[in-house]
C-alpha atoms as a PDB file:
ATOM      1  CA  THR A   1     -32.783  51.290   6.051  1.00  0.00           C
ATOM      2  CA  GLN A   2     -29.896  53.542   5.103  1.00  0.00           C
ATOM      3  CA  SER A   3     -28.624  55.744   7.892  1.00  0.00           C
ATOM      4  CA  ARG A   4     -28.003  59.371   7.020  1.00  0.00           C
ATOM      5  CA  SER A   5     -24.617  59.296   8.749  1.00  0.00           C
ATOM      6  CA  SER A   6     -23.296  56.768   6.235  1.00  0.00           C
ATOM      7  CA  ALA A   7     -24.210  58.942   3.263  1.00  0.00           C
ATOM      8  CA  ALA A   8     -21.189  60.261   1.387  1.00  0.00           C
ATOM      9  CA  SER A   9     -22.557  63.811   1.371  1.00  0.00           C
ATOM     10  CA  ASP A  10     -22.558  63.928   5.183  1.00  0.00           C
ATOM     11  CA  VAL A  11     -18.795  63.436   5.288  1.00  0.00           C
ATOM     12  CA  TYR A  12     -18.237  67.061   4.272  1.00  0.00           C
ATOM     13  CA  LYS A  13     -20.727  68.407   6.805  1.00  0.00           C
ATOM     14  CA  ARG A  14     -19.151  66.348   9.594  1.00  0.00           C
ATOM     15  CA  GLN A  15     -15.612  67.407   8.625  1.00  0.00           C
ATOM     16  CA  VAL A  16     -16.510  71.106   8.434  1.00  0.00           C
ATOM     17  CA  LEU A  17     -18.344  70.840  11.764  1.00  0.00           C
ATOM     18  CA  SER A  18     -15.383  69.141  13.478  1.00  0.00           C
ATOM     19  CA  TRP A  19     -12.923  71.685  12.066  1.00  0.00           C
ATOM     20  CA  LEU A  20     -15.018  74.637  13.257  1.00  0.00           C
ATOM     21  CA  GLN A  21     -15.385  73.117  16.719  1.00  0.00           C
ATOM     22  CA  SER A  22     -11.583  72.986  16.955  1.00  0.00           C
ATOM     23  CA  ILE A  23     -11.229  76.752  16.345  1.00  0.00           C
ATOM     24  CA  PRO A  24     -10.823  78.442  19.758  1.00  0.00           C
ATOM     25  CA  TYR A  25     -13.911  80.156  21.139  1.00  0.00           C
ATOM     26  CA  SER A  26     -14.029  83.816  22.110  1.00  0.00           C
ATOM     27  CA  THR A  27     -16.970  86.077  22.875  1.00  0.00           C
ATOM     28  CA  LEU A  28     -15.258  88.694  20.662  1.00  0.00           C
ATOM     29  CA  GLU A  29     -16.450  91.507  22.895  1.00  0.00           C
ATOM     30  CA  SER A  30     -13.055  93.109  23.354  1.00  0.00           C
ATOM     31  CA  ARG A  31     -12.400  96.179  21.223  1.00  0.00           C
ATOM     32  CA  THR A  32      -8.813  94.971  20.681  1.00  0.00           C
ATOM     33  CA  GLU A  33     -10.106  91.709  19.175  1.00  0.00           C
ATOM     34  CA  SER A  34     -13.228  92.715  17.251  1.00  0.00           C
ATOM     35  CA  SER A  35     -13.828  96.479  17.368  1.00  0.00           C
ATOM     36  CA  GLY A  36     -16.491  95.710  19.975  1.00  0.00           C
ATOM     37  CA  LEU A  37     -18.818  94.192  17.392  1.00  0.00           C
ATOM     38  CA  GLY A  38     -18.958  90.712  18.928  1.00  0.00           C
ATOM     39  CA  TYR A  39     -18.836  89.151  15.459  1.00  0.00           C
ATOM     40  CA  TYR A  40     -16.161  88.155  12.947  1.00  0.00           C
ATOM     41  CA  PRO A  41     -17.032  87.619   9.288  1.00  0.00           C
ATOM     42  CA  PRO A  42     -16.002  84.185   7.945  1.00  0.00           C
ATOM     43  CA  ILE A  43     -12.619  85.224   6.530  1.00  0.00           C
ATOM     44  CA  ARG A  44     -11.620  86.815   9.825  1.00  0.00           C
ATOM     45  CA  VAL A  45     -12.497  83.642  11.798  1.00  0.00           C
ATOM     46  CA  ILE A  46     -10.100  81.752   9.531  1.00  0.00           C
ATOM     47  CA  ALA A  47      -7.397  84.434   9.557  1.00  0.00           C
ATOM     48  CA  HIS A  48      -7.420  84.862  13.352  1.00  0.00           C
ATOM     49  CA  ASN A  49      -8.308  81.240  14.203  1.00  0.00           C
ATOM     50  CA  ILE A  50     -10.881  82.414  16.743  1.00  0.00           C
ATOM     51  CA  GLY A  51     -14.622  82.970  16.747  1.00  0.00           C
ATOM     52  CA  ASP A  52     -17.840  83.010  18.683  1.00  0.00           C
ATOM     53  CA  CYS A  53     -20.987  81.002  17.998  1.00  0.00           C
ATOM     54  CA  ASP A  54     -22.570  83.299  15.408  1.00  0.00           C
ATOM     55  CA  SER A  55     -19.236  83.874  13.629  1.00  0.00           C
ATOM     56  CA  LYS A  56     -18.576  80.119  13.387  1.00  0.00           C
ATOM     57  CA  MET A  57     -22.189  79.414  12.383  1.00  0.00           C
ATOM     58  CA  THR A  58     -21.892  81.933   9.553  1.00  0.00           C
ATOM     59  CA  LEU A  59     -18.604  80.402   8.380  1.00  0.00           C
ATOM     60  CA  MET A  60     -20.112  76.911   8.396  1.00  0.00           C
ATOM     61  CA  SER A  61     -23.101  78.142   6.443  1.00  0.00           C
ATOM     62  CA  ALA A  62     -20.870  79.787   3.814  1.00  0.00           C
ATOM     63  CA  ILE A  63     -18.741  76.661   3.360  1.00  0.00           C
ATOM     64  CA  ILE A  64     -21.696  74.278   3.147  1.00  0.00           C
ATOM     65  CA  LYS A  65     -23.517  76.633   0.751  1.00  0.00           C
ATOM     66  CA  LYS A  66     -20.506  76.451  -1.609  1.00  0.00           C
ATOM     67  CA  ILE A  67     -20.496  72.642  -1.483  1.00  0.00           C
ATOM     68  CA  TYR A  68     -24.302  72.181  -1.545  1.00  0.00           C
ATOM     69  CA  PRO A  69     -25.806  75.330  -3.082  1.00  0.00           C
ATOM     70  CA  ARG A  70     -29.376  73.965  -3.065  1.00  0.00           C
ATOM     71  CA  LEU A  71     -29.346  72.727   0.539  1.00  0.00           C
ATOM     72  CA  SER A  72     -31.697  74.840   2.630  1.00  0.00           C
ATOM     73  CA  GLN A  73     -30.112  76.045   5.857  1.00  0.00           C
ATOM     74  CA  SER A  74     -31.452  77.864   8.857  1.00  0.00           C
ATOM     75  CA  LEU A  75     -29.390  80.121  11.071  1.00  0.00           C
ATOM     76  CA  ILE A  76     -30.850  79.550  14.540  1.00  0.00           C
ATOM     77  CA  TYR A  77     -30.436  82.282  17.161  1.00  0.00           C
ATOM     78  CA  LEU A  78     -31.006  81.318  20.796  1.00  0.00           C
ATOM     79  CA  PRO A  79     -30.572  83.713  23.718  1.00  0.00           C
ATOM     80  CA  GLN A  80     -26.779  84.197  23.954  1.00  0.00           C
ATOM     81  CA  HIS A  81     -26.048  81.404  21.431  1.00  0.00           C
ATOM     82  CA  ALA A  82     -26.386  80.385  17.786  1.00  0.00           C
ATOM     83  CA  LEU A  83     -26.762  77.063  15.943  1.00  0.00           C
ATOM     84  CA  ILE A  84     -27.230  75.996  12.362  1.00  0.00           C
ATOM     85  CA  GLY A  85     -29.846  73.709  10.847  1.00  0.00           C
ATOM     86  CA  PHE A  86     -29.779  71.766   7.580  1.00  0.00           C
ATOM     87  CA  GLN A  87     -32.977  70.702   5.833  1.00  0.00           C
ATOM     88  CA  LEU A  88     -32.238  66.969   5.601  1.00  0.00           C
ATOM     89  CA  PRO A  89     -34.151  63.750   6.199  1.00  0.00           C
ATOM     90  CA  THR A  90     -34.228  62.951   9.906  1.00  0.00           C
ATOM     91  CA  LEU A  91     -33.647  59.806  11.902  1.00  0.00           C
ATOM     92  CA  LYS A  92     -35.382  59.064  15.185  1.00  0.00           C
ATOM     93  CA  ALA A  93     -32.323  59.976  17.306  1.00  0.00           C
ATOM     94  CA  ASP A  94     -31.631  63.268  15.492  1.00  0.00           C
ATOM     95  CA  LYS A  95     -32.091  66.617  17.196  1.00  0.00           C
ATOM     96  CA  TYR A  96     -33.947  68.835  14.774  1.00  0.00           C
ATOM     97  CA  THR A  97     -36.439  71.634  14.660  1.00  0.00           C
ATOM     98  CA  THR A  98     -39.372  72.115  12.325  1.00  0.00           C
ATOM     99  CA  ILE A  99     -39.609  75.372  10.407  1.00  0.00           C
ATOM    100  CA  ASN A 100     -42.398  75.979   7.888  1.00  0.00           C
ATOM    101  CA  GLY A 101     -43.195  72.250   7.978  1.00  0.00           C
ATOM    102  CA  LEU A 102     -39.628  71.168   7.149  1.00  0.00           C
ATOM    103  CA  HIS A 103     -37.178  69.399   9.453  1.00  0.00           C
ATOM    104  CA  TYR A 104     -33.815  71.084   9.998  1.00  0.00           C
ATOM    105  CA  ILE A 105     -31.171  68.865  11.577  1.00  0.00           C
ATOM    106  CA  LEU A 106     -29.206  70.916  14.087  1.00  0.00           C
ATOM    107  CA  ALA A 107     -25.457  71.347  14.506  1.00  0.00           C
ATOM    108  CA  GLU A 108     -23.307  73.094  17.131  1.00  0.00           C
ATOM    109  CA  PRO A 109     -20.316  74.579  15.279  1.00  0.00           C
ATOM    110  CA  VAL A 110     -19.065  76.603  18.264  1.00  0.00           C
ATOM    111  CA  GLY A 111     -17.063  73.931  20.134  1.00  0.00           C
ATOM    112  CA  PRO A 112     -14.952  73.134  22.027  1.00  0.00           C
ATOM    113  CA  ALA A 113     -17.289  70.176  22.621  1.00  0.00           C
ATOM    114  CA  LYS A 114     -17.293  67.886  19.590  1.00  0.00           C
ATOM    115  CA  TYR A 115     -21.022  67.399  19.070  1.00  0.00           C
ATOM    116  CA  PRO A 116     -21.711  65.370  15.940  1.00  0.00           C
ATOM    117  CA  LEU A 117     -24.214  66.494  13.327  1.00  0.00           C
ATOM    118  CA  SER A 118     -27.735  66.188  14.791  1.00  0.00           C
ATOM    119  CA  LYS A 119     -26.605  66.419  18.438  1.00  0.00           C
ATOM    120  CA  ILE A 120     -26.626  69.668  20.407  1.00  0.00           C
ATOM    121  CA  ALA A 121     -25.660  70.898  23.863  1.00  0.00           C
ATOM    122  CA  ASP A 122     -28.071  70.294  26.731  1.00  0.00           C
ATOM    123  CA  SER A 123     -28.141  74.062  27.258  1.00  0.00           C
ATOM    124  CA  SER A 124     -29.574  74.472  23.729  1.00  0.00           C
ATOM    125  CA  ILE A 125     -32.198  71.707  23.868  1.00  0.00           C
ATOM    126  CA  GLY A 126     -34.607  73.573  26.149  1.00  0.00           C
ATOM    127  CA  TYR A 127     -34.670  76.627  23.886  1.00  0.00           C
ATOM    128  CA  ILE A 128     -35.193  74.484  20.784  1.00  0.00           C
ATOM    129  CA  ASP A 129     -37.948  72.401  22.382  1.00  0.00           C
ATOM    130  CA  ALA A 130     -39.711  75.558  23.623  1.00  0.00           C
ATOM    131  CA  LYS A 131     -39.269  77.260  20.233  1.00  0.00           C
ATOM    132  CA  SER A 132     -37.487  80.104  22.065  1.00  0.00           C
ATOM    133  CA  TYR A 133     -35.388  81.177  19.110  1.00  0.00           C
ATOM    134  CA  PHE A 134     -35.581  83.088  15.902  1.00  0.00           C
ATOM    135  CA  HIS A 135     -34.212  81.891  12.608  1.00  0.00           C
ATOM    136  CA  GLU A 136     -33.177  82.976   9.168  1.00  0.00           C
ATOM    137  CA  ILE A 137     -33.574  80.592   6.230  1.00  0.00           C
ATOM    138  CA  ILE A 138     -30.850  80.774   3.611  1.00  0.00           C
END
């Protein structure tokens, strides 16, 4: 059985995820940092080397969409947090959610914890398991 983590295509997802997790976290609620919007578009995350969970999730989605334009992604919004899901084959140990009958492997791009692809924070697991989130498929 081939493990998904050894697949060459996962190298890019893992590298992008690790890079985003290394970008410093900020809630972006200060008017001096973000005009009070609480969100930076992808280019601003890169330019300012700072971002919150939804800003980093959006940047990861944009990068992965350029590399894998046909890969279905889901932007996952939890209360006070955001994750990303990729419609990929799952392994038993993977953390994923099912949307419209398809499995979306989850990723935590926010950092600073270095969660690998298919592993998420304990604080996110309860919301995912209870389906206490909304999502946007892209």
